[in-house]
Amino acid sequence: MRAMLVPPRRLWWLAGGFTVWCIALVVLYALHAIGCAFAWPAGALRWSLVIVFLAHLAVIGWMWGQFARGSPDPATGKTGSFLHDAIVWATIAAFASGVLALGPPLLLTTCI
């Protein structure tokens, strides 16, 4: 039995969760800097940061759910199964990293 090659586009999904995480980091810091530079009210700035943070977590969570519910193509054999599991766990790691690294700063003073 010969396994079919895994499509290269599947490899891009391996970095998908952390790509969204990186975008969230950039957008949160940019929004925070703009809000502080233009003296936005603290409440409005905090809520905008929370909304952006939750939106990015929702995207990562959606990605996680899509891959966790799906199954690898049986024609790709063990390689496809391993890649599927790696994508699921990398997405879980991106979600957890987002919560642990990007969430707590939202509890700090917005502008000093």
C-alpha atoms as a PDB file:
ATOM      1  CA  MET A   1       0.000   0.000   0.000  1.00  0.00           C
ATOM      2  CA  ARG A   2       1.393   3.364  -0.996  1.00  0.00           C
ATOM      3  CA  ALA A   3       0.220   6.516   0.789  1.00  0.00           C
ATOM      4  CA  MET A   4      -0.662   9.601  -1.198  1.00  0.00           C
ATOM      5  CA  LEU A   5       1.388  12.737  -0.593  1.00  0.00           C
ATOM      6  CA  VAL A   6      -0.073  15.318   1.755  1.00  0.00           C
ATOM      7  CA  PRO A   7      -1.054  18.505  -0.117  1.00  0.00           C
ATOM      8  CA  PRO A   8       1.415  21.341   0.605  1.00  0.00           C
ATOM      9  CA  ARG A   9      -1.442  23.725   1.488  1.00  0.00           C
ATOM     10  CA  ARG A  10      -2.017  21.653   4.635  1.00  0.00           C
ATOM     11  CA  LEU A  11       1.388  22.738   5.912  1.00  0.00           C
ATOM     12  CA  TRP A  12       0.237  26.358   5.928  1.00  0.00           C
ATOM     13  CA  TRP A  13      -2.427  25.466   8.486  1.00  0.00           C
ATOM     14  CA  LEU A  14       0.336  24.378  10.838  1.00  0.00           C
ATOM     15  CA  ALA A  15       1.290  28.049  11.306  1.00  0.00           C
ATOM     16  CA  GLY A  16      -2.264  29.381  11.016  1.00  0.00           C
ATOM     17  CA  GLY A  17      -3.031  29.705  14.733  1.00  0.00           C
ATOM     18  CA  PHE A  18       0.203  31.485  15.535  1.00  0.00           C
ATOM     19  CA  THR A  19      -0.220  33.740  12.508  1.00  0.00           C
ATOM     20  CA  VAL A  20      -3.536  34.930  13.943  1.00  0.00           C
ATOM     21  CA  TRP A  21      -1.826  35.262  17.348  1.00  0.00           C
ATOM     22  CA  CYS A  22       0.879  37.487  15.825  1.00  0.00           C
ATOM     23  CA  ILE A  23      -1.729  39.626  14.099  1.00  0.00           C
ATOM     24  CA  ALA A  24      -3.553  39.977  17.422  1.00  0.00           C
ATOM     25  CA  LEU A  25      -0.345  41.096  19.129  1.00  0.00           C
ATOM     26  CA  VAL A  26       0.340  43.751  16.507  1.00  0.00           C
ATOM     27  CA  VAL A  27      -3.240  45.028  16.403  1.00  0.00           C
ATOM     28  CA  LEU A  28      -3.549  45.176  20.204  1.00  0.00           C
ATOM     29  CA  TYR A  29      -0.302  47.086  20.636  1.00  0.00           C
ATOM     30  CA  ALA A  30      -1.114  49.447  17.766  1.00  0.00           C
ATOM     31  CA  LEU A  31      -4.615  50.100  19.106  1.00  0.00           C
ATOM     32  CA  HIS A  32      -3.212  50.688  22.574  1.00  0.00           C
ATOM     33  CA  ALA A  33      -0.591  53.128  21.275  1.00  0.00           C
ATOM     34  CA  ILE A  34      -3.128  55.026  19.178  1.00  0.00           C
ATOM     35  CA  GLY A  35      -5.598  55.169  22.065  1.00  0.00           C
ATOM     36  CA  CYS A  36      -2.988  56.520  24.445  1.00  0.00           C
ATOM     37  CA  ALA A  37      -1.563  58.982  21.921  1.00  0.00           C
ATOM     38  CA  PHE A  38      -4.975  60.474  21.207  1.00  0.00           C
ATOM     39  CA  ALA A  39      -6.102  60.359  24.866  1.00  0.00           C
ATOM     40  CA  TRP A  40      -9.100  58.094  24.390  1.00  0.00           C
ATOM     41  CA  PRO A  41     -11.175  57.574  27.534  1.00  0.00           C
ATOM     42  CA  ALA A  42      -9.857  54.643  29.554  1.00  0.00           C
ATOM     43  CA  GLY A  43     -13.143  52.744  29.418  1.00  0.00           C
ATOM     44  CA  ALA A  44     -13.489  53.029  25.650  1.00  0.00           C
ATOM     45  CA  LEU A  45      -9.876  52.014  25.108  1.00  0.00           C
ATOM     46  CA  ARG A  46     -10.158  49.020  27.412  1.00  0.00           C
ATOM     47  CA  TRP A  47     -13.368  47.811  25.762  1.00  0.00           C
ATOM     48  CA  SER A  48     -11.914  48.178  22.278  1.00  0.00           C
ATOM     49  CA  LEU A  49      -8.857  46.168  23.340  1.00  0.00           C
ATOM     50  CA  VAL A  50     -11.063  43.458  24.872  1.00  0.00           C
ATOM     51  CA  ILE A  51     -13.235  43.259  21.746  1.00  0.00           C
ATOM     52  CA  VAL A  52     -10.199  42.935  19.464  1.00  0.00           C
ATOM     53  CA  PHE A  53      -8.672  40.322  21.774  1.00  0.00           C
ATOM     54  CA  LEU A  54     -11.861  38.251  21.896  1.00  0.00           C
ATOM     55  CA  ALA A  55     -12.302  38.497  18.119  1.00  0.00           C
ATOM     56  CA  HIS A  56      -8.840  37.035  17.545  1.00  0.00           C
ATOM     57  CA  LEU A  57      -9.464  34.304  20.113  1.00  0.00           C
ATOM     58  CA  ALA A  58     -12.719  33.496  18.332  1.00  0.00           C
ATOM     59  CA  VAL A  59     -10.851  33.060  15.038  1.00  0.00           C
ATOM     60  CA  ILE A  60      -8.280  30.760  16.640  1.00  0.00           C
ATOM     61  CA  GLY A  61     -11.068  28.867  18.405  1.00  0.00           C
ATOM     62  CA  TRP A  62     -12.917  28.469  15.112  1.00  0.00           C
ATOM     63  CA  MET A  63      -9.757  27.087  13.497  1.00  0.00           C
ATOM     64  CA  TRP A  64      -9.298  24.707  16.413  1.00  0.00           C
ATOM     65  CA  GLY A  65     -12.876  23.490  16.121  1.00  0.00           C
ATOM     66  CA  GLN A  66     -12.635  22.964  12.370  1.00  0.00           C
ATOM     67  CA  PHE A  67      -9.592  20.743  12.671  1.00  0.00           C
ATOM     68  CA  ALA A  68     -10.647  18.965  15.850  1.00  0.00           C
ATOM     69  CA  ARG A  69     -13.965  17.913  14.262  1.00  0.00           C
ATOM     70  CA  GLY A  70     -12.367  16.951  10.971  1.00  0.00           C
ATOM     71  CA  SER A  71     -10.391  13.832  10.325  1.00  0.00           C
ATOM     72  CA  PRO A  72      -7.283  13.276   8.233  1.00  0.00           C
ATOM     73  CA  ASP A  73      -7.609  11.921   4.724  1.00  0.00           C
ATOM     74  CA  PRO A  74      -7.127   8.146   5.016  1.00  0.00           C
ATOM     75  CA  ALA A  75      -5.316   8.120   1.664  1.00  0.00           C
ATOM     76  CA  THR A  76      -2.432  10.154   3.121  1.00  0.00           C
ATOM     77  CA  GLY A  77      -1.616   7.469   5.659  1.00  0.00           C
ATOM     78  CA  LYS A  78       0.389   8.067   8.817  1.00  0.00           C
ATOM     79  CA  THR A  79       1.875  11.319   7.516  1.00  0.00           C
ATOM     80  CA  GLY A  80      -1.551  12.878   7.046  1.00  0.00           C
ATOM     81  CA  SER A  81      -2.676  11.677  10.457  1.00  0.00           C
ATOM     82  CA  PHE A  82       0.432  13.107  12.113  1.00  0.00           C
ATOM     83  CA  LEU A  83       0.043  16.419  10.289  1.00  0.00           C
ATOM     84  CA  HIS A  84      -3.614  16.636  11.320  1.00  0.00           C
ATOM     85  CA  ASP A  85      -2.714  16.047  14.981  1.00  0.00           C
ATOM     86  CA  ALA A  86       0.147  18.556  14.768  1.00  0.00           C
ATOM     87  CA  ILE A  87      -2.198  21.200  13.330  1.00  0.00           C
ATOM     88  CA  VAL A  88      -4.755  20.607  16.086  1.00  0.00           C
ATOM     89  CA  TRP A  89      -2.147  20.830  18.852  1.00  0.00           C
ATOM     90  CA  ALA A  90      -0.396  23.863  17.342  1.00  0.00           C
ATOM     91  CA  THR A  91      -3.757  25.635  17.199  1.00  0.00           C
ATOM     92  CA  ILE A  92      -4.462  24.694  20.818  1.00  0.00           C
ATOM     93  CA  ALA A  93      -1.032  26.067  21.762  1.00  0.00           C
ATOM     94  CA  ALA A  94      -1.783  29.325  19.908  1.00  0.00           C
ATOM     95  CA  PHE A  95      -5.109  29.671  21.742  1.00  0.00           C
ATOM     96  CA  ALA A  96      -3.534  28.996  25.144  1.00  0.00           C
ATOM     97  CA  SER A  97      -0.650  31.319  24.383  1.00  0.00           C
ATOM     98  CA  GLY A  98      -3.094  34.047  23.412  1.00  0.00           C
ATOM     99  CA  VAL A  99      -4.976  33.704  26.662  1.00  0.00           C
ATOM    100  CA  LEU A 100      -1.818  33.594  28.798  1.00  0.00           C
ATOM    101  CA  ALA A 101       0.252  36.244  26.989  1.00  0.00           C
ATOM    102  CA  LEU A 102      -2.292  38.700  25.597  1.00  0.00           C
ATOM    103  CA  GLY A 103      -5.060  38.490  28.188  1.00  0.00           C
ATOM    104  CA  PRO A 104      -3.402  39.651  31.435  1.00  0.00           C
ATOM    105  CA  PRO A 105      -2.119  42.993  30.063  1.00  0.00           C
ATOM    106  CA  LEU A 106      -5.755  43.972  29.506  1.00  0.00           C
ATOM    107  CA  LEU A 107      -6.124  44.102  33.293  1.00  0.00           C
ATOM    108  CA  LEU A 108      -3.377  46.721  33.718  1.00  0.00           C
ATOM    109  CA  THR A 109      -3.704  50.493  33.622  1.00  0.00           C
ATOM    110  CA  THR A 110      -4.377  51.487  30.030  1.00  0.00           C
ATOM    111  CA  CYS A 111      -2.143  54.561  29.743  1.00  0.00           C
ATOM    112  CA  ILE A 112       0.496  55.913  32.105  1.00  0.00           C
END
